[in-house]
Full PDB file with SEQRES, HELIX, SHEET, SSBOND, CRYST1, ORIGX, SCALE, CONECT and MASTER records, all heavy atoms in Angstrom:
SEQRES   1 A   36  ARG ILE VAL SER TRP GLY SER LEU GLN LEU THR PHE GLY          
SEQRES   2 A   36  ASP VAL SER LYS VAL LEU GLN GLY ARG ARG HIS PHE PHE          
SEQRES   3 A   36  SER PHE THR TYR GLY GLN TYR SER TYR ASP                      
SHEET    1 AA1 3 ILE A   2  TRP A   5  0                                        
SHEET    2 AA1 3 LEU A   8  VAL A  15 -1                                        
SHEET    3 AA1 3 GLN A  20  TYR A  30 -1                                        
CRYST1    1.000    1.000    1.000  90.00  90.00  90.00 P 1           1          
ORIGX1      1.000000  0.000000  0.000000        0.00000                         
ORIGX2      0.000000  1.000000  0.000000        0.00000                         
ORIGX3      0.000000  0.000000  1.000000        0.00000                         
SCALE1      1.000000  0.000000  0.000000        0.00000                         
SCALE2      0.000000  1.000000  0.000000        0.00000                         
SCALE3      0.000000  0.000000  1.000000        0.00000                         
ATOM      1  N   ARG A   1       2.474  -3.448  -6.443  1.00  0.00           N  
ATOM      2  CA  ARG A   1       2.115  -2.192  -7.113  1.00  0.00           C  
ATOM      3  C   ARG A   1       1.733  -1.181  -6.043  1.00  0.00           C  
ATOM      4  O   ARG A   1       0.964  -1.497  -5.126  1.00  0.00           O  
ATOM      5  CB  ARG A   1       0.937  -2.431  -8.050  1.00  0.00           C  
ATOM      6  CG  ARG A   1       0.472  -1.223  -8.824  1.00  0.00           C  
ATOM      7  CD  ARG A   1      -0.670  -1.609  -9.740  1.00  0.00           C  
ATOM      8  NE  ARG A   1      -1.141  -0.482 -10.523  1.00  0.00           N  
ATOM      9  CZ  ARG A   1      -2.230  -0.517 -11.272  1.00  0.00           C  
ATOM     10  NH1 ARG A   1      -2.956  -1.634 -11.357  1.00  0.00           N  
ATOM     11  NH2 ARG A   1      -2.609   0.551 -11.940  1.00  0.00           N  
ATOM     12  N   ILE A   2       2.266   0.046  -6.165  1.00  0.00           N  
ATOM     13  CA  ILE A   2       1.895   1.128  -5.263  1.00  0.00           C  
ATOM     14  C   ILE A   2       1.259   2.231  -6.102  1.00  0.00           C  
ATOM     15  O   ILE A   2       1.871   2.715  -7.062  1.00  0.00           O  
ATOM     16  CB  ILE A   2       3.116   1.662  -4.488  1.00  0.00           C  
ATOM     17  CG1 ILE A   2       3.709   0.552  -3.625  1.00  0.00           C  
ATOM     18  CG2 ILE A   2       2.706   2.856  -3.619  1.00  0.00           C  
ATOM     19  CD1 ILE A   2       5.018   0.904  -2.953  1.00  0.00           C  
ATOM     20  N   VAL A   3       0.030   2.584  -5.738  1.00  0.00           N  
ATOM     21  CA  VAL A   3      -0.711   3.633  -6.438  1.00  0.00           C  
ATOM     22  C   VAL A   3      -0.968   4.742  -5.430  1.00  0.00           C  
ATOM     23  O   VAL A   3      -1.366   4.476  -4.294  1.00  0.00           O  
ATOM     24  CB  VAL A   3      -2.039   3.086  -7.007  1.00  0.00           C  
ATOM     25  CG1 VAL A   3      -2.820   4.192  -7.714  1.00  0.00           C  
ATOM     26  CG2 VAL A   3      -1.770   1.922  -7.964  1.00  0.00           C  
ATOM     27  N   SER A   4      -0.709   5.990  -5.843  1.00  0.00           N  
ATOM     28  CA  SER A   4      -0.856   7.099  -4.898  1.00  0.00           C  
ATOM     29  C   SER A   4      -1.725   8.211  -5.449  1.00  0.00           C  
ATOM     30  O   SER A   4      -1.833   8.423  -6.653  1.00  0.00           O  
ATOM     31  CB  SER A   4       0.518   7.642  -4.504  1.00  0.00           C  
ATOM     32  OG  SER A   4       1.232   8.060  -5.638  1.00  0.00           O  
ATOM     33  N   TRP A   5      -2.339   8.908  -4.508  1.00  0.00           N  
ATOM     34  CA  TRP A   5      -3.090  10.129  -4.726  1.00  0.00           C  
ATOM     35  C   TRP A   5      -2.489  11.116  -3.734  1.00  0.00           C  
ATOM     36  O   TRP A   5      -2.895  11.147  -2.573  1.00  0.00           O  
ATOM     37  CB  TRP A   5      -4.572   9.936  -4.427  1.00  0.00           C  
ATOM     38  CG  TRP A   5      -5.283   9.044  -5.384  1.00  0.00           C  
ATOM     39  CD1 TRP A   5      -6.040   9.443  -6.443  1.00  0.00           C  
ATOM     40  CD2 TRP A   5      -5.356   7.607  -5.370  1.00  0.00           C  
ATOM     41  NE1 TRP A   5      -6.555   8.344  -7.101  1.00  0.00           N  
ATOM     42  CE2 TRP A   5      -6.153   7.213  -6.460  1.00  0.00           C  
ATOM     43  CE3 TRP A   5      -4.795   6.626  -4.552  1.00  0.00           C  
ATOM     44  CZ2 TRP A   5      -6.420   5.880  -6.743  1.00  0.00           C  
ATOM     45  CZ3 TRP A   5      -5.055   5.304  -4.834  1.00  0.00           C  
ATOM     46  CH2 TRP A   5      -5.865   4.940  -5.909  1.00  0.00           C  
ATOM     47  N   GLY A   6      -1.489  11.872  -4.135  1.00  0.00           N  
ATOM     48  CA  GLY A   6      -0.785  12.734  -3.191  1.00  0.00           C  
ATOM     49  C   GLY A   6      -0.097  11.871  -2.147  1.00  0.00           C  
ATOM     50  O   GLY A   6       0.659  10.955  -2.478  1.00  0.00           O  
ATOM     51  N   SER A   7      -0.390  12.127  -0.877  1.00  0.00           N  
ATOM     52  CA  SER A   7       0.259  11.364   0.197  1.00  0.00           C  
ATOM     53  C   SER A   7      -0.514  10.105   0.602  1.00  0.00           C  
ATOM     54  O   SER A   7      -0.109   9.399   1.509  1.00  0.00           O  
ATOM     55  CB  SER A   7       0.463  12.248   1.426  1.00  0.00           C  
ATOM     56  OG  SER A   7      -0.759  12.461   2.100  1.00  0.00           O  
ATOM     57  N   LEU A   8      -1.622   9.823  -0.071  1.00  0.00           N  
ATOM     58  CA  LEU A   8      -2.374   8.592   0.178  1.00  0.00           C  
ATOM     59  C   LEU A   8      -1.853   7.535  -0.779  1.00  0.00           C  
ATOM     60  O   LEU A   8      -1.986   7.665  -1.993  1.00  0.00           O  
ATOM     61  CB  LEU A   8      -3.867   8.815  -0.035  1.00  0.00           C  
ATOM     62  CG  LEU A   8      -4.760   7.585   0.115  1.00  0.00           C  
ATOM     63  CD1 LEU A   8      -4.702   7.042   1.544  1.00  0.00           C  
ATOM     64  CD2 LEU A   8      -6.190   7.920  -0.279  1.00  0.00           C  
ATOM     65  N   GLN A   9      -1.201   6.501  -0.221  1.00  0.00           N  
ATOM     66  CA  GLN A   9      -0.598   5.461  -1.046  1.00  0.00           C  
ATOM     67  C   GLN A   9      -1.198   4.108  -0.703  1.00  0.00           C  
ATOM     68  O   GLN A   9      -1.229   3.719   0.467  1.00  0.00           O  
ATOM     69  CB  GLN A   9       0.914   5.430  -0.838  1.00  0.00           C  
ATOM     70  CG  GLN A   9       1.565   6.734  -1.236  1.00  0.00           C  
ATOM     71  CD  GLN A   9       3.064   6.729  -1.050  1.00  0.00           C  
ATOM     72  OE1 GLN A   9       3.611   5.949  -0.285  1.00  0.00           O  
ATOM     73  NE2 GLN A   9       3.731   7.602  -1.772  1.00  0.00           N  
ATOM     74  N   LEU A  10      -1.671   3.406  -1.728  1.00  0.00           N  
ATOM     75  CA  LEU A  10      -2.239   2.078  -1.552  1.00  0.00           C  
ATOM     76  C   LEU A  10      -1.263   1.059  -2.115  1.00  0.00           C  
ATOM     77  O   LEU A  10      -0.678   1.273  -3.177  1.00  0.00           O  
ATOM     78  CB  LEU A  10      -3.574   1.963  -2.271  1.00  0.00           C  
ATOM     79  CG  LEU A  10      -4.792   2.500  -1.525  1.00  0.00           C  
ATOM     80  CD1 LEU A  10      -4.678   3.974  -1.230  1.00  0.00           C  
ATOM     81  CD2 LEU A  10      -6.057   2.210  -2.296  1.00  0.00           C  
ATOM     82  N   THR A  11      -1.098  -0.044  -1.392  1.00  0.00           N  
ATOM     83  CA  THR A  11      -0.189  -1.107  -1.812  1.00  0.00           C  
ATOM     84  C   THR A  11      -1.005  -2.338  -2.181  1.00  0.00           C  
ATOM     85  O   THR A  11      -1.899  -2.757  -1.436  1.00  0.00           O  
ATOM     86  CB  THR A  11       0.810  -1.443  -0.694  1.00  0.00           C  
ATOM     87  OG1 THR A  11       1.486  -0.246  -0.307  1.00  0.00           O  
ATOM     88  CG2 THR A  11       1.830  -2.461  -1.163  1.00  0.00           C  
ATOM     89  N   PHE A  12      -0.667  -2.902  -3.327  1.00  0.00           N  
ATOM     90  CA  PHE A  12      -1.321  -4.098  -3.866  1.00  0.00           C  
ATOM     91  C   PHE A  12      -0.243  -5.149  -4.110  1.00  0.00           C  
ATOM     92  O   PHE A  12       0.882  -4.817  -4.470  1.00  0.00           O  
ATOM     93  CB  PHE A  12      -2.002  -3.783  -5.203  1.00  0.00           C  
ATOM     94  CG  PHE A  12      -2.993  -2.660  -5.137  1.00  0.00           C  
ATOM     95  CD1 PHE A  12      -2.592  -1.352  -5.378  1.00  0.00           C  
ATOM     96  CD2 PHE A  12      -4.317  -2.904  -4.850  1.00  0.00           C  
ATOM     97  CE1 PHE A  12      -3.501  -0.301  -5.330  1.00  0.00           C  
ATOM     98  CE2 PHE A  12      -5.236  -1.864  -4.791  1.00  0.00           C  
ATOM     99  CZ  PHE A  12      -4.829  -0.559  -5.035  1.00  0.00           C  
ATOM    100  N   GLY A  13      -0.591  -6.404  -3.930  1.00  0.00           N  
ATOM    101  CA  GLY A  13       0.360  -7.472  -4.197  1.00  0.00           C  
ATOM    102  C   GLY A  13      -0.354  -8.795  -4.335  1.00  0.00           C  
ATOM    103  O   GLY A  13      -1.585  -8.863  -4.220  1.00  0.00           O  
ATOM    104  N   ASP A  14       0.418  -9.848  -4.532  1.00  0.00           N  
ATOM    105  CA  ASP A  14      -0.175 -11.178  -4.655  1.00  0.00           C  
ATOM    106  C   ASP A  14       0.018 -12.018  -3.396  1.00  0.00           C  
ATOM    107  O   ASP A  14      -0.521 -13.120  -3.293  1.00  0.00           O  
ATOM    108  CB  ASP A  14       0.357 -11.909  -5.883  1.00  0.00           C  
ATOM    109  CG  ASP A  14       1.855 -12.144  -5.851  1.00  0.00           C  
ATOM    110  OD1 ASP A  14       2.555 -11.529  -5.014  1.00  0.00           O  
ATOM    111  OD2 ASP A  14       2.343 -12.940  -6.679  1.00  0.00           O  
ATOM    112  N   VAL A  15       0.760 -11.496  -2.409  1.00  0.00           N  
ATOM    113  CA  VAL A  15       0.950 -12.186  -1.136  1.00  0.00           C  
ATOM    114  C   VAL A  15       0.937 -11.144  -0.022  1.00  0.00           C  
ATOM    115  O   VAL A  15       1.636 -10.139  -0.091  1.00  0.00           O  
ATOM    116  CB  VAL A  15       2.296 -12.949  -1.097  1.00  0.00           C  
ATOM    117  CG1 VAL A  15       2.553 -13.524   0.289  1.00  0.00           C  
ATOM    118  CG2 VAL A  15       2.322 -14.058  -2.141  1.00  0.00           C  
ATOM    119  N   SER A  16       0.124 -11.385   0.996  1.00  0.00           N  
ATOM    120  CA  SER A  16       0.119 -10.543   2.198  1.00  0.00           C  
ATOM    121  C   SER A  16      -0.445 -11.366   3.334  1.00  0.00           C  
ATOM    122  O   SER A  16      -0.862 -12.504   3.137  1.00  0.00           O  
ATOM    123  CB  SER A  16      -0.733  -9.283   1.996  1.00  0.00           C  
ATOM    124  OG  SER A  16      -2.112  -9.602   2.039  1.00  0.00           O  
ATOM    125  N   LYS A  17      -0.495 -10.773   4.521  1.00  0.00           N  
ATOM    126  CA  LYS A  17      -1.048 -11.518   5.653  1.00  0.00           C  
ATOM    127  C   LYS A  17      -2.563 -11.667   5.547  1.00  0.00           C  
ATOM    128  O   LYS A  17      -3.146 -12.461   6.255  1.00  0.00           O  
ATOM    129  CB  LYS A  17      -0.648 -10.874   6.971  1.00  0.00           C  
ATOM    130  CG  LYS A  17      -1.309  -9.563   7.283  1.00  0.00           C  
ATOM    131  CD  LYS A  17      -0.866  -9.060   8.638  1.00  0.00           C  
ATOM    132  CE  LYS A  17      -1.687  -7.849   9.041  1.00  0.00           C  
ATOM    133  NZ  LYS A  17      -1.383  -7.421  10.379  1.00  0.00           N  
ATOM    134  N   VAL A  18      -3.209 -10.923   4.624  1.00  0.00           N  
ATOM    135  CA  VAL A  18      -4.665 -11.041   4.487  1.00  0.00           C  
ATOM    136  C   VAL A  18      -5.094 -11.981   3.373  1.00  0.00           C  
ATOM    137  O   VAL A  18      -6.221 -12.461   3.373  1.00  0.00           O  
ATOM    138  CB  VAL A  18      -5.343  -9.655   4.305  1.00  0.00           C  
ATOM    139  CG1 VAL A  18      -5.152  -8.797   5.533  1.00  0.00           C  
ATOM    140  CG2 VAL A  18      -4.871  -8.939   3.066  1.00  0.00           C  
ATOM    141  N   LEU A  19      -4.217 -12.235   2.394  1.00  0.00           N  
ATOM    142  CA  LEU A  19      -4.593 -13.088   1.264  1.00  0.00           C  
ATOM    143  C   LEU A  19      -3.340 -13.490   0.492  1.00  0.00           C  
ATOM    144  O   LEU A  19      -2.364 -12.740   0.455  1.00  0.00           O  
ATOM    145  CB  LEU A  19      -5.543 -12.321   0.332  1.00  0.00           C  
ATOM    146  CG  LEU A  19      -6.129 -13.063  -0.855  1.00  0.00           C  
ATOM    147  CD1 LEU A  19      -7.094 -14.160  -0.398  1.00  0.00           C  
ATOM    148  CD2 LEU A  19      -6.872 -12.081  -1.762  1.00  0.00           C  
ATOM    149  N   GLN A  20      -3.387 -14.660  -0.129  1.00  0.00           N  
ATOM    150  CA  GLN A  20      -2.293 -15.112  -0.989  1.00  0.00           C  
ATOM    151  C   GLN A  20      -2.875 -15.691  -2.253  1.00  0.00           C  
ATOM    152  O   GLN A  20      -3.983 -16.214  -2.256  1.00  0.00           O  
ATOM    153  CB  GLN A  20      -1.445 -16.174  -0.287  1.00  0.00           C  
ATOM    154  CG  GLN A  20      -0.718 -15.638   0.912  1.00  0.00           C  
ATOM    155  CD  GLN A  20       0.222 -16.662   1.529  1.00  0.00           C  
ATOM    156  OE1 GLN A  20       0.574 -17.662   0.924  1.00  0.00           O  
ATOM    157  NE2 GLN A  20       0.648 -16.388   2.742  1.00  0.00           N  
ATOM    158  N   GLY A  21      -2.108 -15.589  -3.349  1.00  0.00           N  
ATOM    159  CA  GLY A  21      -2.490 -16.269  -4.578  1.00  0.00           C  
ATOM    160  C   GLY A  21      -3.173 -15.419  -5.624  1.00  0.00           C  
ATOM    161  O   GLY A  21      -3.355 -15.882  -6.752  1.00  0.00           O  
ATOM    162  N   ARG A  22      -3.582 -14.188  -5.300  1.00  0.00           N  
ATOM    163  CA  ARG A  22      -4.130 -13.300  -6.319  1.00  0.00           C  
ATOM    164  C   ARG A  22      -3.822 -11.852  -5.944  1.00  0.00           C  
ATOM    165  O   ARG A  22      -3.599 -11.535  -4.782  1.00  0.00           O  
ATOM    166  CB  ARG A  22      -5.623 -13.503  -6.526  1.00  0.00           C  
ATOM    167  CG  ARG A  22      -6.508 -12.965  -5.428  1.00  0.00           C  
ATOM    168  CD  ARG A  22      -7.980 -12.890  -5.885  1.00  0.00           C  
ATOM    169  NE  ARG A  22      -8.873 -12.566  -4.795  1.00  0.00           N  
ATOM    170  CZ  ARG A  22      -9.104 -11.333  -4.340  1.00  0.00           C  
ATOM    171  NH1 ARG A  22      -8.502 -10.296  -4.876  1.00  0.00           N  
ATOM    172  NH2 ARG A  22      -9.951 -11.132  -3.347  1.00  0.00           N  
ATOM    173  N   ARG A  23      -3.806 -11.001  -6.937  1.00  0.00           N  
ATOM    174  CA  ARG A  23      -3.566  -9.581  -6.701  1.00  0.00           C  
ATOM    175  C   ARG A  23      -4.679  -8.992  -5.830  1.00  0.00           C  
ATOM    176  O   ARG A  23      -5.865  -9.243  -6.093  1.00  0.00           O  
ATOM    177  CB  ARG A  23      -3.509  -8.832  -8.028  1.00  0.00           C  
ATOM    178  CG  ARG A  23      -2.331  -9.204  -8.887  1.00  0.00           C  
ATOM    179  CD  ARG A  23      -2.433  -8.532 -10.246  1.00  0.00           C  
ATOM    180  NE  ARG A  23      -1.200  -8.695 -11.012  1.00  0.00           N  
ATOM    181  CZ  ARG A  23      -1.039  -8.243 -12.240  1.00  0.00           C  
ATOM    182  NH1 ARG A  23      -2.016  -7.598 -12.857  1.00  0.00           N  
ATOM    183  NH2 ARG A  23       0.104  -8.426 -12.863  1.00  0.00           N  
ATOM    184  N   HIS A  24      -4.263  -8.196  -4.836  1.00  0.00           N  
ATOM    185  CA  HIS A  24      -5.249  -7.607  -3.929  1.00  0.00           C  
ATOM    186  C   HIS A  24      -4.685  -6.382  -3.216  1.00  0.00           C  
ATOM    187  O   HIS A  24      -3.472  -6.190  -3.154  1.00  0.00           O  
ATOM    188  CB  HIS A  24      -5.715  -8.645  -2.895  1.00  0.00           C  
ATOM    189  CG  HIS A  24      -4.601  -9.154  -2.024  1.00  0.00           C  
ATOM    190  ND1 HIS A  24      -3.693 -10.101  -2.453  1.00  0.00           N  
ATOM    191  CD2 HIS A  24      -4.232  -8.827  -0.756  1.00  0.00           C  
ATOM    192  CE1 HIS A  24      -2.825 -10.350  -1.487  1.00  0.00           C  
ATOM    193  NE2 HIS A  24      -3.115  -9.580  -0.443  1.00  0.00           N  
ATOM    194  N   PHE A  25      -5.579  -5.567  -2.688  1.00  0.00           N  
ATOM    195  CA  PHE A  25      -5.251  -4.400  -1.864  1.00  0.00           C  
ATOM    196  C   PHE A  25      -4.969  -4.898  -0.459  1.00  0.00           C  
ATOM    197  O   PHE A  25      -5.750  -5.657   0.102  1.00  0.00           O  
ATOM    198  CB  PHE A  25      -6.452  -3.452  -1.883  1.00  0.00           C  
ATOM    199  CG  PHE A  25      -6.442  -2.330  -0.876  1.00  0.00           C  
ATOM    200  CD1 PHE A  25      -5.314  -1.561  -0.643  1.00  0.00           C  
ATOM    201  CD2 PHE A  25      -7.604  -2.014  -0.190  1.00  0.00           C  
ATOM    202  CE1 PHE A  25      -5.338  -0.502   0.267  1.00  0.00           C  
ATOM    203  CE2 PHE A  25      -7.649  -0.959   0.709  1.00  0.00           C  
ATOM    204  CZ  PHE A  25      -6.514  -0.211   0.943  1.00  0.00           C  
ATOM    205  N   PHE A  26      -3.811  -4.482   0.125  1.00  0.00           N  
ATOM    206  CA  PHE A  26      -3.550  -4.950   1.484  1.00  0.00           C  
ATOM    207  C   PHE A  26      -2.980  -3.909   2.434  1.00  0.00           C  
ATOM    208  O   PHE A  26      -2.803  -4.191   3.619  1.00  0.00           O  
ATOM    209  CB  PHE A  26      -2.653  -6.200   1.486  1.00  0.00           C  
ATOM    210  CG  PHE A  26      -1.233  -5.984   1.045  1.00  0.00           C  
ATOM    211  CD1 PHE A  26      -0.254  -5.551   1.939  1.00  0.00           C  
ATOM    212  CD2 PHE A  26      -0.866  -6.229  -0.262  1.00  0.00           C  
ATOM    213  CE1 PHE A  26       1.055  -5.379   1.537  1.00  0.00           C  
ATOM    214  CE2 PHE A  26       0.447  -6.054  -0.680  1.00  0.00           C  
ATOM    215  CZ  PHE A  26       1.409  -5.629   0.224  1.00  0.00           C  
ATOM    216  N   SER A  27      -2.704  -2.685   1.964  1.00  0.00           N  
ATOM    217  CA  SER A  27      -2.111  -1.714   2.876  1.00  0.00           C  
ATOM    218  C   SER A  27      -2.291  -0.298   2.339  1.00  0.00           C  
ATOM    219  O   SER A  27      -2.375  -0.097   1.127  1.00  0.00           O  
ATOM    220  CB  SER A  27      -0.620  -2.022   3.034  1.00  0.00           C  
ATOM    221  OG  SER A  27       0.020  -1.090   3.885  1.00  0.00           O  
ATOM    222  N   PHE A  28      -2.333   0.679   3.262  1.00  0.00           N  
ATOM    223  CA  PHE A  28      -2.306   2.079   2.858  1.00  0.00           C  
ATOM    224  C   PHE A  28      -1.447   2.875   3.829  1.00  0.00           C  
ATOM    225  O   PHE A  28      -1.269   2.501   4.978  1.00  0.00           O  
ATOM    226  CB  PHE A  28      -3.716   2.690   2.786  1.00  0.00           C  
ATOM    227  CG  PHE A  28      -4.396   2.860   4.122  1.00  0.00           C  
ATOM    228  CD1 PHE A  28      -4.122   3.956   4.942  1.00  0.00           C  
ATOM    229  CD2 PHE A  28      -5.320   1.925   4.562  1.00  0.00           C  
ATOM    230  CE1 PHE A  28      -4.742   4.107   6.174  1.00  0.00           C  
ATOM    231  CE2 PHE A  28      -5.946   2.076   5.786  1.00  0.00           C  
ATOM    232  CZ  PHE A  28      -5.651   3.165   6.601  1.00  0.00           C  
ATOM    233  N   THR A  29      -0.888   3.966   3.337  1.00  0.00           N  
ATOM    234  CA  THR A  29      -0.276   4.983   4.182  1.00  0.00           C  
ATOM    235  C   THR A  29      -0.906   6.306   3.775  1.00  0.00           C  
ATOM    236  O   THR A  29      -1.218   6.525   2.593  1.00  0.00           O  
ATOM    237  CB  THR A  29       1.260   5.083   4.023  1.00  0.00           C  
ATOM    238  OG1 THR A  29       1.579   5.402   2.677  1.00  0.00           O  
ATOM    239  CG2 THR A  29       1.942   3.804   4.437  1.00  0.00           C  
ATOM    240  N   TYR A  30      -1.115   7.172   4.755  1.00  0.00           N  
ATOM    241  CA  TYR A  30      -1.688   8.489   4.487  1.00  0.00           C  
ATOM    242  C   TYR A  30      -0.863   9.514   5.245  1.00  0.00           C  
ATOM    243  O   TYR A  30      -0.751   9.453   6.460  1.00  0.00           O  
ATOM    244  CB  TYR A  30      -3.150   8.524   4.937  1.00  0.00           C  
ATOM    245  CG  TYR A  30      -3.811   9.874   4.822  1.00  0.00           C  
ATOM    246  CD1 TYR A  30      -3.727  10.630   3.651  1.00  0.00           C  
ATOM    247  CD2 TYR A  30      -4.537  10.393   5.875  1.00  0.00           C  
ATOM    248  CE1 TYR A  30      -4.351  11.863   3.542  1.00  0.00           C  
ATOM    249  CE2 TYR A  30      -5.168  11.627   5.778  1.00  0.00           C  
ATOM    250  CZ  TYR A  30      -5.069  12.355   4.609  1.00  0.00           C  
ATOM    251  OH  TYR A  30      -5.683  13.581   4.511  1.00  0.00           O  
ATOM    252  N   GLY A  31      -0.259  10.427   4.485  1.00  0.00           N  
ATOM    253  CA  GLY A  31       0.575  11.470   5.061  1.00  0.00           C  
ATOM    254  C   GLY A  31       2.045  11.185   4.810  1.00  0.00           C  
ATOM    255  O   GLY A  31       2.490  10.044   4.909  1.00  0.00           O  
ATOM    256  N   GLN A  32       2.779  12.230   4.447  1.00  0.00           N  
ATOM    257  CA  GLN A  32       4.226  12.114   4.297  1.00  0.00           C  
ATOM    258  C   GLN A  32       4.863  13.129   5.234  1.00  0.00           C  
ATOM    259  O   GLN A  32       4.367  14.239   5.388  1.00  0.00           O  
ATOM    260  CB  GLN A  32       4.650  12.384   2.861  1.00  0.00           C  
ATOM    261  CG  GLN A  32       4.191  11.304   1.908  1.00  0.00           C  
ATOM    262  CD  GLN A  32       4.592  11.615   0.471  1.00  0.00           C  
ATOM    263  OE1 GLN A  32       5.079  12.682   0.146  1.00  0.00           O  
ATOM    264  NE2 GLN A  32       4.370  10.645  -0.401  1.00  0.00           N  
ATOM    265  N   TYR A  33       5.969  12.724   5.839  1.00  0.00           N  
ATOM    266  CA  TYR A  33       6.647  13.589   6.795  1.00  0.00           C  
ATOM    267  C   TYR A  33       8.150  13.538   6.559  1.00  0.00           C  
ATOM    268  O   TYR A  33       8.655  12.627   5.903  1.00  0.00           O  
ATOM    269  CB  TYR A  33       6.321  13.169   8.235  1.00  0.00           C  
ATOM    270  CG  TYR A  33       6.781  11.771   8.578  1.00  0.00           C  
ATOM    271  CD1 TYR A  33       8.076  11.526   9.027  1.00  0.00           C  
ATOM    272  CD2 TYR A  33       5.923  10.676   8.433  1.00  0.00           C  
ATOM    273  CE1 TYR A  33       8.508  10.248   9.327  1.00  0.00           C  
ATOM    274  CE2 TYR A  33       6.348   9.395   8.727  1.00  0.00           C  
ATOM    275  CZ  TYR A  33       7.638   9.189   9.172  1.00  0.00           C  
ATOM    276  OH  TYR A  33       8.069   7.915   9.454  1.00  0.00           O  
ATOM    277  N   SER A  34       8.827  14.527   7.099  1.00  0.00           N  
ATOM    278  CA  SER A  34      10.285  14.494   7.120  1.00  0.00           C  
ATOM    279  C   SER A  34      10.702  14.282   8.573  1.00  0.00           C  
ATOM    280  O   SER A  34      10.003  14.699   9.492  1.00  0.00           O  
ATOM    281  CB  SER A  34      10.877  15.795   6.576  1.00  0.00           C  
ATOM    282  OG  SER A  34      10.525  16.883   7.400  1.00  0.00           O  
ATOM    283  N   TYR A  35      11.831  13.628   8.763  1.00  0.00           N  
ATOM    284  CA  TYR A  35      12.323  13.354  10.115  1.00  0.00           C  
ATOM    285  C   TYR A  35      13.835  13.473  10.105  1.00  0.00           C  
ATOM    286  O   TYR A  35      14.509  12.824   9.308  1.00  0.00           O  
ATOM    287  CB  TYR A  35      11.890  11.952  10.570  1.00  0.00           C  
ATOM    288  CG  TYR A  35      12.336  11.602  11.963  1.00  0.00           C  
ATOM    289  CD1 TYR A  35      11.871  12.319  13.059  1.00  0.00           C  
ATOM    290  CD2 TYR A  35      13.221  10.561  12.176  1.00  0.00           C  
ATOM    291  CE1 TYR A  35      12.291  12.001  14.344  1.00  0.00           C  
ATOM    292  CE2 TYR A  35      13.624  10.228  13.467  1.00  0.00           C  
ATOM    293  CZ  TYR A  35      13.159  10.957  14.542  1.00  0.00           C  
ATOM    294  OH  TYR A  35      13.564  10.640  15.817  1.00  0.00           O  
ATOM    295  N   ASP A  36      14.361  14.315  10.982  1.00  0.00           N  
ATOM    296  CA  ASP A  36      15.801  14.564  11.020  1.00  0.00           C  
ATOM    297  C   ASP A  36      16.491  13.897  12.209  1.00  0.00           C  
ATOM    298  O   ASP A  36      17.616  14.228  12.544  1.00  0.00           O  
ATOM    299  CB  ASP A  36      16.080  16.066  11.021  1.00  0.00           C  
ATOM    300  CG  ASP A  36      15.534  16.767  12.261  1.00  0.00           C  
ATOM    301  OD1 ASP A  36      15.045  16.093  13.197  1.00  0.00           O  
ATOM    302  OD2 ASP A  36      15.609  18.012  12.292  1.00  0.00           O  
TER     303      ASP A  36                                                      
MASTER        0    0    0    0    3    0    0    6  302    1    0    3          
END                                                                             
């Protein structure tokens, strides 16, 4: 699941390098850019 507030995006899942087996917050990105 990805939930965002503008360009702040939080990623939730049931498997990540920090935890496995239950839904949890494991990553964020802040800022959106264009690149040519």
